[in-house]
Amino acid sequence: MLSATRQNPPKKKPGQGKGPRTISGLALDVRQASAFLGMSEKTLRGQVSRGLVPYRRLSARIIFLRPELEAWLQTLDGCNLEEAKNNQMARCG
């Protein structure tokens, strides 16, 4: 039987990484993918719900694979991958 109290995750040990988890930079969460694509998280979630952007589900999480996003960007009219990367660098610095 499940307990009614909620357990907190274990504390990180000294030296363990902090921040979002990544898999060699190939798997992106919503925050990272929105920064990569240059759109807000809300816009990206809307595009996911309409099936306009390639994504995967890992349990209940939405993840994006960088190679799939790059291939998707190349299929869009009016913007190629190099222009999108240059735009991202200009925005993020």
PDB file of N, CA and C in Angstrom:
ATOM      1  N   MET A   1       0.842  -1.176   0.000  1.00  0.00           N
ATOM      2  CA  MET A   1       0.000   0.000   0.000  1.00  0.00           C
ATOM      3  C   MET A   1       0.885   1.237   0.000  1.00  0.00           C
ATOM      4  N   LEU A   2       0.502   2.219  -0.802  1.00  0.00           N
ATOM      5  CA  LEU A   2       1.298   3.426  -0.912  1.00  0.00           C
ATOM      6  C   LEU A   2       1.051   4.351   0.261  1.00  0.00           C
ATOM      7  N   SER A   3       2.082   4.979   0.677  1.00  0.00           N
ATOM      8  CA  SER A   3       2.000   5.925   1.772  1.00  0.00           C
ATOM      9  C   SER A   3       1.387   7.236   1.277  1.00  0.00           C
ATOM     10  N   ALA A   4       0.675   7.919   2.142  1.00  0.00           N
ATOM     11  CA  ALA A   4       0.042   9.182   1.776  1.00  0.00           C
ATOM     12  C   ALA A   4       1.061  10.320   1.755  1.00  0.00           C
ATOM     13  N   THR A   5       2.204  10.133   2.412  1.00  0.00           N
ATOM     14  CA  THR A   5       3.216  11.187   2.418  1.00  0.00           C
ATOM     15  C   THR A   5       4.054  11.108   1.159  1.00  0.00           C
ATOM     16  N   ARG A   6       4.524  12.226   0.740  1.00  0.00           N
ATOM     17  CA  ARG A   6       5.341  12.304  -0.465  1.00  0.00           C
ATOM     18  C   ARG A   6       6.806  12.292  -0.071  1.00  0.00           C
ATOM     19  N   GLN A   7       7.566  11.448  -0.730  1.00  0.00           N
ATOM     20  CA  GLN A   7       8.986  11.363  -0.414  1.00  0.00           C
ATOM     21  C   GLN A   7       9.764  12.322  -1.299  1.00  0.00           C
ATOM     22  N   ASN A   8      10.742  12.961  -0.711  1.00  0.00           N
ATOM     23  CA  ASN A   8      11.623  13.844  -1.465  1.00  0.00           C
ATOM     24  C   ASN A   8      12.733  13.021  -2.094  1.00  0.00           C
ATOM     25  N   PRO A   9      13.225  13.445  -3.273  1.00  0.00           N
ATOM     26  CA  PRO A   9      14.342  12.722  -3.875  1.00  0.00           C
ATOM     27  C   PRO A   9      15.587  12.871  -3.007  1.00  0.00           C
ATOM     28  N   PRO A  10      16.530  11.950  -3.110  1.00  0.00           N
ATOM     29  CA  PRO A  10      17.731  12.040  -2.280  1.00  0.00           C
ATOM     30  C   PRO A  10      18.560  13.271  -2.643  1.00  0.00           C
ATOM     31  N   LYS A  11      19.264  13.794  -1.661  1.00  0.00           N
ATOM     32  CA  LYS A  11      20.129  14.949  -1.877  1.00  0.00           C
ATOM     33  C   LYS A  11      21.309  14.543  -2.745  1.00  0.00           C
ATOM     34  N   LYS A  12      21.775  15.482  -3.585  1.00  0.00           N
ATOM     35  CA  LYS A  12      22.944  15.203  -4.422  1.00  0.00           C
ATOM     36  C   LYS A  12      24.201  15.250  -3.570  1.00  0.00           C
ATOM     37  N   LYS A  13      25.128  14.401  -3.926  1.00  0.00           N
ATOM     38  CA  LYS A  13      26.396  14.348  -3.224  1.00  0.00           C
ATOM     39  C   LYS A  13      27.334  15.405  -3.789  1.00  0.00           C
ATOM     40  N   PRO A  14      28.354  15.817  -3.029  1.00  0.00           N
ATOM     41  CA  PRO A  14      29.310  16.793  -3.546  1.00  0.00           C
ATOM     42  C   PRO A  14      29.961  16.265  -4.828  1.00  0.00           C
ATOM     43  N   GLY A  15      30.021  17.114  -5.831  1.00  0.00           N
ATOM     44  CA  GLY A  15      30.639  16.732  -7.094  1.00  0.00           C
ATOM     45  C   GLY A  15      29.653  16.246  -8.139  1.00  0.00           C
ATOM     46  N   GLN A  16      28.416  15.950  -7.724  1.00  0.00           N
ATOM     47  CA  GLN A  16      27.422  15.532  -8.714  1.00  0.00           C
ATOM     48  C   GLN A  16      26.949  16.748  -9.489  1.00  0.00           C
ATOM     49  N   GLY A  17      26.581  16.515 -10.748  1.00  0.00           N
ATOM     50  CA  GLY A  17      26.155  17.603 -11.616  1.00  0.00           C
ATOM     51  C   GLY A  17      24.879  18.259 -11.149  1.00  0.00           C
ATOM     52  N   LYS A  18      24.740  19.505 -11.493  1.00  0.00           N
ATOM     53  CA  LYS A  18      23.536  20.249 -11.199  1.00  0.00           C
ATOM     54  C   LYS A  18      22.942  20.716 -12.514  1.00  0.00           C
ATOM     55  N   GLY A  19      21.685  21.053 -12.517  1.00  0.00           N
ATOM     56  CA  GLY A  19      21.025  21.548 -13.713  1.00  0.00           C
ATOM     57  C   GLY A  19      20.343  20.431 -14.467  1.00  0.00           C
ATOM     58  N   PRO A  20      19.864  20.741 -15.687  1.00  0.00           N
ATOM     59  CA  PRO A  20      19.117  19.741 -16.446  1.00  0.00           C
ATOM     60  C   PRO A  20      19.990  18.577 -16.866  1.00  0.00           C
ATOM     61  N   ARG A  21      19.384  17.402 -16.921  1.00  0.00           N
ATOM     62  CA  ARG A  21      20.108  16.216 -17.343  1.00  0.00           C
ATOM     63  C   ARG A  21      20.175  16.186 -18.861  1.00  0.00           C
ATOM     64  N   THR A  22      21.319  15.807 -19.396  1.00  0.00           N
ATOM     65  CA  THR A  22      21.476  15.704 -20.842  1.00  0.00           C
ATOM     66  C   THR A  22      22.125  14.383 -21.187  1.00  0.00           C
ATOM     67  N   ILE A  23      21.887  13.929 -22.390  1.00  0.00           N
ATOM     68  CA  ILE A  23      22.545  12.733 -22.895  1.00  0.00           C
ATOM     69  C   ILE A  23      23.466  13.189 -24.012  1.00  0.00           C
ATOM     70  N   SER A  24      24.669  13.545 -23.671  1.00  0.00           N
ATOM     71  CA  SER A  24      25.681  14.018 -24.628  1.00  0.00           C
ATOM     72  C   SER A  24      25.158  15.146 -25.505  1.00  0.00           C
ATOM     73  N   GLY A  25      24.209  15.922 -25.027  1.00  0.00           N
ATOM     74  CA  GLY A  25      23.661  17.027 -25.796  1.00  0.00           C
ATOM     75  C   GLY A  25      22.750  16.606 -26.931  1.00  0.00           C
ATOM     76  N   LEU A  26      22.457  15.321 -27.057  1.00  0.00           N
ATOM     77  CA  LEU A  26      21.597  14.846 -28.140  1.00  0.00           C
ATOM     78  C   LEU A  26      20.128  14.838 -27.761  1.00  0.00           C
ATOM     79  N   ALA A  27      19.818  14.599 -26.519  1.00  0.00           N
ATOM     80  CA  ALA A  27      18.432  14.609 -26.048  1.00  0.00           C
ATOM     81  C   ALA A  27      18.193  15.916 -25.309  1.00  0.00           C
ATOM     82  N   LEU A  28      17.144  16.631 -25.694  1.00  0.00           N
ATOM     83  CA  LEU A  28      16.850  17.935 -25.113  1.00  0.00           C
ATOM     84  C   LEU A  28      15.483  17.901 -24.429  1.00  0.00           C
ATOM     85  N   ASP A  29      15.376  18.599 -23.310  1.00  0.00           N
ATOM     86  CA  ASP A  29      14.064  18.747 -22.696  1.00  0.00           C
ATOM     87  C   ASP A  29      13.378  19.961 -23.330  1.00  0.00           C
ATOM     88  N   VAL A  30      12.202  20.305 -22.858  1.00  0.00           N
ATOM     89  CA  VAL A  30      11.434  21.391 -23.473  1.00  0.00           C
ATOM     90  C   VAL A  30      12.193  22.710 -23.375  1.00  0.00           C
ATOM     91  N   ARG A  31      12.792  22.982 -22.231  1.00  0.00           N
ATOM     92  CA  ARG A  31      13.527  24.238 -22.055  1.00  0.00           C
ATOM     93  C   ARG A  31      14.699  24.342 -23.029  1.00  0.00           C
ATOM     94  N   GLN A  32      15.480  23.278 -23.135  1.00  0.00           N
ATOM     95  CA  GLN A  32      16.640  23.295 -24.025  1.00  0.00           C
ATOM     96  C   GLN A  32      16.223  23.357 -25.493  1.00  0.00           C
ATOM     97  N   ALA A  33      15.178  22.612 -25.860  1.00  0.00           N
ATOM     98  CA  ALA A  33      14.713  22.615 -27.249  1.00  0.00           C
ATOM     99  C   ALA A  33      14.137  23.972 -27.635  1.00  0.00           C
ATOM    100  N   SER A  34      13.433  24.615 -26.714  1.00  0.00           N
ATOM    101  CA  SER A  34      12.885  25.931 -27.034  1.00  0.00           C
ATOM    102  C   SER A  34      14.007  26.947 -27.245  1.00  0.00           C
ATOM    103  N   ALA A  35      15.070  26.850 -26.450  1.00  0.00           N
ATOM    104  CA  ALA A  35      16.218  27.733 -26.654  1.00  0.00           C
ATOM    105  C   ALA A  35      16.903  27.420 -27.986  1.00  0.00           C
ATOM    106  N   PHE A  36      17.028  26.146 -28.312  1.00  0.00           N
ATOM    107  CA  PHE A  36      17.662  25.738 -29.570  1.00  0.00           C
ATOM    108  C   PHE A  36      16.861  26.242 -30.771  1.00  0.00           C
ATOM    109  N   LEU A  37      15.534  26.167 -30.681  1.00  0.00           N
ATOM    110  CA  LEU A  37      14.684  26.578 -31.797  1.00  0.00           C
ATOM    111  C   LEU A  37      14.378  28.071 -31.801  1.00  0.00           C
ATOM    112  N   GLY A  38      14.677  28.751 -30.702  1.00  0.00           N
ATOM    113  CA  GLY A  38      14.443  30.195 -30.635  1.00  0.00           C
ATOM    114  C   GLY A  38      12.978  30.550 -30.447  1.00  0.00           C
ATOM    115  N   MET A  39      12.260  29.759 -29.665  1.00  0.00           N
ATOM    116  CA  MET A  39      10.852  30.043 -29.387  1.00  0.00           C
ATOM    117  C   MET A  39      10.599  29.827 -27.905  1.00  0.00           C
ATOM    118  N   SER A  40       9.459  30.300 -27.440  1.00  0.00           N
ATOM    119  CA  SER A  40       9.140  30.130 -26.028  1.00  0.00           C
ATOM    120  C   SER A  40       8.733  28.685 -25.746  1.00  0.00           C
ATOM    121  N   GLU A  41       8.807  28.312 -24.488  1.00  0.00           N
ATOM    122  CA  GLU A  41       8.400  26.969 -24.081  1.00  0.00           C
ATOM    123  C   GLU A  41       6.912  26.753 -24.354  1.00  0.00           C
ATOM    124  N   LYS A  42       6.105  27.780 -24.144  1.00  0.00           N
ATOM    125  CA  LYS A  42       4.668  27.673 -24.371  1.00  0.00           C
ATOM    126  C   LYS A  42       4.373  27.422 -25.852  1.00  0.00           C
ATOM    127  N   THR A  43       5.069  28.120 -26.740  1.00  0.00           N
ATOM    128  CA  THR A  43       4.890  27.919 -28.174  1.00  0.00           C
ATOM    129  C   THR A  43       5.302  26.515 -28.573  1.00  0.00           C
ATOM    130  N   LEU A  44       6.419  26.051 -28.049  1.00  0.00           N
ATOM    131  CA  LEU A  44       6.892  24.713 -28.373  1.00  0.00           C
ATOM    132  C   LEU A  44       5.911  23.651 -27.885  1.00  0.00           C
ATOM    133  N   ARG A  45       5.389  23.808 -26.685  1.00  0.00           N
ATOM    134  CA  ARG A  45       4.403  22.846 -26.175  1.00  0.00           C
ATOM    135  C   ARG A  45       3.140  22.836 -27.040  1.00  0.00           C
ATOM    136  N   GLY A  46       2.745  24.002 -27.544  1.00  0.00           N
ATOM    137  CA  GLY A  46       1.603  24.072 -28.438  1.00  0.00           C
ATOM    138  C   GLY A  46       1.863  23.335 -29.747  1.00  0.00           C
ATOM    139  N   GLN A  47       3.075  23.481 -30.267  1.00  0.00           N
ATOM    140  CA  GLN A  47       3.419  22.781 -31.505  1.00  0.00           C
ATOM    141  C   GLN A  47       3.496  21.277 -31.282  1.00  0.00           C
ATOM    142  N   VAL A  48       3.942  20.870 -30.106  1.00  0.00           N
ATOM    143  CA  VAL A  48       3.968  19.440 -29.779  1.00  0.00           C
ATOM    144  C   VAL A  48       2.549  18.894 -29.734  1.00  0.00           C
ATOM    145  N   SER A  49       1.638  19.620 -29.103  1.00  0.00           N
ATOM    146  CA  SER A  49       0.259  19.133 -28.979  1.00  0.00           C
ATOM    147  C   SER A  49      -0.430  19.029 -30.339  1.00  0.00           C
ATOM    148  N   ARG A  50      -0.009  19.867 -31.296  1.00  0.00           N
ATOM    149  CA  ARG A  50      -0.571  19.797 -32.646  1.00  0.00           C
ATOM    150  C   ARG A  50       0.219  18.881 -33.566  1.00  0.00           C
ATOM    151  N   GLY A  51       1.333  18.321 -33.072  1.00  0.00           N
ATOM    152  CA  GLY A  51       2.128  17.390 -33.865  1.00  0.00           C
ATOM    153  C   GLY A  51       2.925  18.056 -34.969  1.00  0.00           C
ATOM    154  N   LEU A  52       3.316  19.313 -34.780  1.00  0.00           N
ATOM    155  CA  LEU A  52       4.040  20.048 -35.809  1.00  0.00           C
ATOM    156  C   LEU A  52       5.550  19.920 -35.715  1.00  0.00           C
ATOM    157  N   VAL A  53       6.036  19.485 -34.576  1.00  0.00           N
ATOM    158  CA  VAL A  53       7.479  19.379 -34.349  1.00  0.00           C
ATOM    159  C   VAL A  53       7.778  17.945 -33.903  1.00  0.00           C
ATOM    160  N   PRO A  54       8.908  17.375 -34.351  1.00  0.00           N
ATOM    161  CA  PRO A  54       9.225  16.000 -33.944  1.00  0.00           C
ATOM    162  C   PRO A  54       9.621  15.921 -32.466  1.00  0.00           C
ATOM    163  N   TYR A  55       9.029  14.993 -31.760  1.00  0.00           N
ATOM    164  CA  TYR A  55       9.321  14.814 -30.335  1.00  0.00           C
ATOM    165  C   TYR A  55       9.144  13.341 -29.984  1.00  0.00           C
ATOM    166  N   ARG A  56       9.581  12.997 -28.800  1.00  0.00           N
ATOM    167  CA  ARG A  56       9.419  11.642 -28.273  1.00  0.00           C
ATOM    168  C   ARG A  56       8.928  11.746 -26.843  1.00  0.00           C
ATOM    169  N   ARG A  57       8.319  10.693 -26.395  1.00  0.00           N
ATOM    170  CA  ARG A  57       7.901  10.617 -24.991  1.00  0.00           C
ATOM    171  C   ARG A  57       8.786   9.614 -24.277  1.00  0.00           C
ATOM    172  N   LEU A  58       9.288  10.005 -23.138  1.00  0.00           N
ATOM    173  CA  LEU A  58      10.052   9.138 -22.260  1.00  0.00           C
ATOM    174  C   LEU A  58       9.277   9.115 -20.952  1.00  0.00           C
ATOM    175  N   SER A  59       8.479   8.077 -20.772  1.00  0.00           N
ATOM    176  CA  SER A  59       7.472   8.031 -19.701  1.00  0.00           C
ATOM    177  C   SER A  59       6.516   9.193 -19.919  1.00  0.00           C
ATOM    178  N   ALA A  60       6.417  10.085 -18.955  1.00  0.00           N
ATOM    179  CA  ALA A  60       5.517  11.222 -19.102  1.00  0.00           C
ATOM    180  C   ALA A  60       6.238  12.460 -19.625  1.00  0.00           C
ATOM    181  N   ARG A  61       7.545  12.360 -19.815  1.00  0.00           N
ATOM    182  CA  ARG A  61       8.337  13.514 -20.248  1.00  0.00           C
ATOM    183  C   ARG A  61       8.364  13.629 -21.760  1.00  0.00           C
ATOM    184  N   ILE A  62       8.427  14.856 -22.233  1.00  0.00           N
ATOM    185  CA  ILE A  62       8.599  15.125 -23.654  1.00  0.00           C
ATOM    186  C   ILE A  62      10.079  15.425 -23.859  1.00  0.00           C
ATOM    187  N   ILE A  63      10.699  14.713 -24.796  1.00  0.00           N
ATOM    188  CA  ILE A  63      12.099  14.985 -25.128  1.00  0.00           C
ATOM    189  C   ILE A  63      12.211  15.173 -26.632  1.00  0.00           C
ATOM    190  N   PHE A  64      13.270  15.825 -27.027  1.00  0.00           N
ATOM    191  CA  PHE A  64      13.548  16.091 -28.428  1.00  0.00           C
ATOM    192  C   PHE A  64      14.954  15.599 -28.719  1.00  0.00           C
ATOM    193  N   LEU A  65      15.146  15.018 -29.880  1.00  0.00           N
ATOM    194  CA  LEU A  65      16.474  14.596 -30.308  1.00  0.00           C
ATOM    195  C   LEU A  65      17.024  15.662 -31.245  1.00  0.00           C
ATOM    196  N   ARG A  66      18.220  16.144 -30.924  1.00  0.00           N
ATOM    197  CA  ARG A  66      18.811  17.239 -31.695  1.00  0.00           C
ATOM    198  C   ARG A  66      18.901  16.928 -33.196  1.00  0.00           C
ATOM    199  N   PRO A  67      19.345  15.727 -33.612  1.00  0.00           N
ATOM    200  CA  PRO A  67      19.405  15.454 -35.060  1.00  0.00           C
ATOM    201  C   PRO A  67      18.024  15.525 -35.734  1.00  0.00           C
ATOM    202  N   GLU A  68      16.975  15.103 -35.029  1.00  0.00           N
ATOM    203  CA  GLU A  68      15.631  15.183 -35.591  1.00  0.00           C
ATOM    204  C   GLU A  68      15.184  16.636 -35.724  1.00  0.00           C
ATOM    205  N   LEU A  69      15.513  17.470 -34.735  1.00  0.00           N
ATOM    206  CA  LEU A  69      15.156  18.884 -34.825  1.00  0.00           C
ATOM    207  C   LEU A  69      15.916  19.570 -35.953  1.00  0.00           C
ATOM    208  N   GLU A  70      17.201  19.229 -36.115  1.00  0.00           N
ATOM    209  CA  GLU A  70      17.985  19.825 -37.198  1.00  0.00           C
ATOM    210  C   GLU A  70      17.427  19.426 -38.561  1.00  0.00           C
ATOM    211  N   ALA A  71      17.050  18.159 -38.716  1.00  0.00           N
ATOM    212  CA  ALA A  71      16.455  17.706 -39.980  1.00  0.00           C
ATOM    213  C   ALA A  71      15.114  18.400 -40.218  1.00  0.00           C
ATOM    214  N   TRP A  72      14.330  18.588 -39.154  1.00  0.00           N
ATOM    215  CA  TRP A  72      13.038  19.266 -39.277  1.00  0.00           C
ATOM    216  C   TRP A  72      13.232  20.720 -39.691  1.00  0.00           C
ATOM    217  N   LEU A  73      14.249  21.385 -39.130  1.00  0.00           N
ATOM    218  CA  LEU A  73      14.518  22.775 -39.493  1.00  0.00           C
ATOM    219  C   LEU A  73      14.872  22.904 -40.976  1.00  0.00           C
ATOM    220  N   GLN A  74      15.569  21.927 -41.516  1.00  0.00           N
ATOM    221  CA  GLN A  74      15.954  21.984 -42.923  1.00  0.00           C
ATOM    222  C   GLN A  74      14.749  21.867 -43.848  1.00  0.00           C
ATOM    223  N   THR A  75      13.669  21.249 -43.369  1.00  0.00           N
ATOM    224  CA  THR A  75      12.483  21.090 -44.215  1.00  0.00           C
ATOM    225  C   THR A  75      11.597  22.336 -44.226  1.00  0.00           C
ATOM    226  N   LEU A  76      11.833  23.285 -43.314  1.00  0.00           N
ATOM    227  CA  LEU A  76      10.999  24.477 -43.234  1.00  0.00           C
ATOM    228  C   LEU A  76      11.330  25.442 -44.359  1.00  0.00           C
ATOM    229  N   ASP A  77      10.313  26.122 -44.851  1.00  0.00           N
ATOM    230  CA  ASP A  77      10.518  27.131 -45.888  1.00  0.00           C
ATOM    231  C   ASP A  77      11.090  28.399 -45.274  1.00  0.00           C
ATOM    232  N   GLY A  78      11.962  29.062 -46.015  1.00  0.00           N
ATOM    233  CA  GLY A  78      12.454  30.376 -45.622  1.00  0.00           C
ATOM    234  C   GLY A  78      13.594  30.384 -44.626  1.00  0.00           C
ATOM    235  N   CYS A  79      14.056  29.254 -44.175  1.00  0.00           N
ATOM    236  CA  CYS A  79      15.132  29.233 -43.197  1.00  0.00           C
ATOM    237  C   CYS A  79      15.886  27.924 -43.324  1.00  0.00           C
ATOM    238  N   ASN A  80      17.198  28.012 -43.498  1.00  0.00           N
ATOM    239  CA  ASN A  80      17.968  26.776 -43.494  1.00  0.00           C
ATOM    240  C   ASN A  80      18.662  26.630 -42.148  1.00  0.00           C
ATOM    241  N   LEU A  81      19.316  25.526 -41.951  1.00  0.00           N
ATOM    242  CA  LEU A  81      19.906  25.219 -40.652  1.00  0.00           C
ATOM    243  C   LEU A  81      20.963  26.238 -40.250  1.00  0.00           C
ATOM    244  N   GLU A  82      21.799  26.639 -41.190  1.00  0.00           N
ATOM    245  CA  GLU A  82      22.855  27.606 -40.862  1.00  0.00           C
ATOM    246  C   GLU A  82      22.267  28.947 -40.426  1.00  0.00           C
ATOM    247  N   GLU A  83      21.210  29.402 -41.107  1.00  0.00           N
ATOM    248  CA  GLU A  83      20.566  30.652 -40.708  1.00  0.00           C
ATOM    249  C   GLU A  83      19.966  30.539 -39.316  1.00  0.00           C
ATOM    250  N   ALA A  84      19.359  29.406 -39.021  1.00  0.00           N
ATOM    251  CA  ALA A  84      18.766  29.203 -37.699  1.00  0.00           C
ATOM    252  C   ALA A  84      19.829  29.205 -36.615  1.00  0.00           C
ATOM    253  N   LYS A  85      20.968  28.553 -36.871  1.00  0.00           N
ATOM    254  CA  LYS A  85      22.061  28.558 -35.884  1.00  0.00           C
ATOM    255  C   LYS A  85      22.608  29.957 -35.688  1.00  0.00           C
ATOM    256  N   ASN A  86      22.755  30.704 -36.773  1.00  0.00           N
ATOM    257  CA  ASN A  86      23.252  32.089 -36.666  1.00  0.00           C
ATOM    258  C   ASN A  86      22.267  32.947 -35.898  1.00  0.00           C
ATOM    259  N   ASN A  87      20.963  32.767 -36.139  1.00  0.00           N
ATOM    260  CA  ASN A  87      19.949  33.502 -35.400  1.00  0.00           C
ATOM    261  C   ASN A  87      19.994  33.179 -33.912  1.00  0.00           C
ATOM    262  N   GLN A  88      20.185  31.901 -33.601  1.00  0.00           N
ATOM    263  CA  GLN A  88      20.261  31.491 -32.207  1.00  0.00           C
ATOM    264  C   GLN A  88      21.476  32.100 -31.529  1.00  0.00           C
ATOM    265  N   MET A  89      22.607  32.081 -32.202  1.00  0.00           N
ATOM    266  CA  MET A  89      23.824  32.663 -31.624  1.00  0.00           C
ATOM    267  C   MET A  89      23.670  34.163 -31.427  1.00  0.00           C
ATOM    268  N   ALA A  90      22.988  34.834 -32.345  1.00  0.00           N
ATOM    269  CA  ALA A  90      22.777  36.270 -32.218  1.00  0.00           C
ATOM    270  C   ALA A  90      21.884  36.590 -31.008  1.00  0.00           C
ATOM    271  N   ARG A  91      20.882  35.726 -30.769  1.00  0.00           N
ATOM    272  CA  ARG A  91      19.973  35.944 -29.643  1.00  0.00           C
ATOM    273  C   ARG A  91      20.638  35.633 -28.300  1.00  0.00           C
ATOM    274  N   CYS A  92      21.329  34.502 -28.267  1.00  0.00           N
ATOM    275  CA  CYS A  92      21.883  34.019 -26.991  1.00  0.00           C
ATOM    276  C   CYS A  92      23.260  34.589 -26.690  1.00  0.00           C
ATOM    277  N   GLY A  93      23.923  35.054 -27.692  1.00  0.00           N
ATOM    278  CA  GLY A  93      25.233  35.661 -27.489  1.00  0.00           C
ATOM    279  C   GLY A  93      26.377  34.759 -27.525  1.00  0.00           C
TER     280      GLY A  93
END
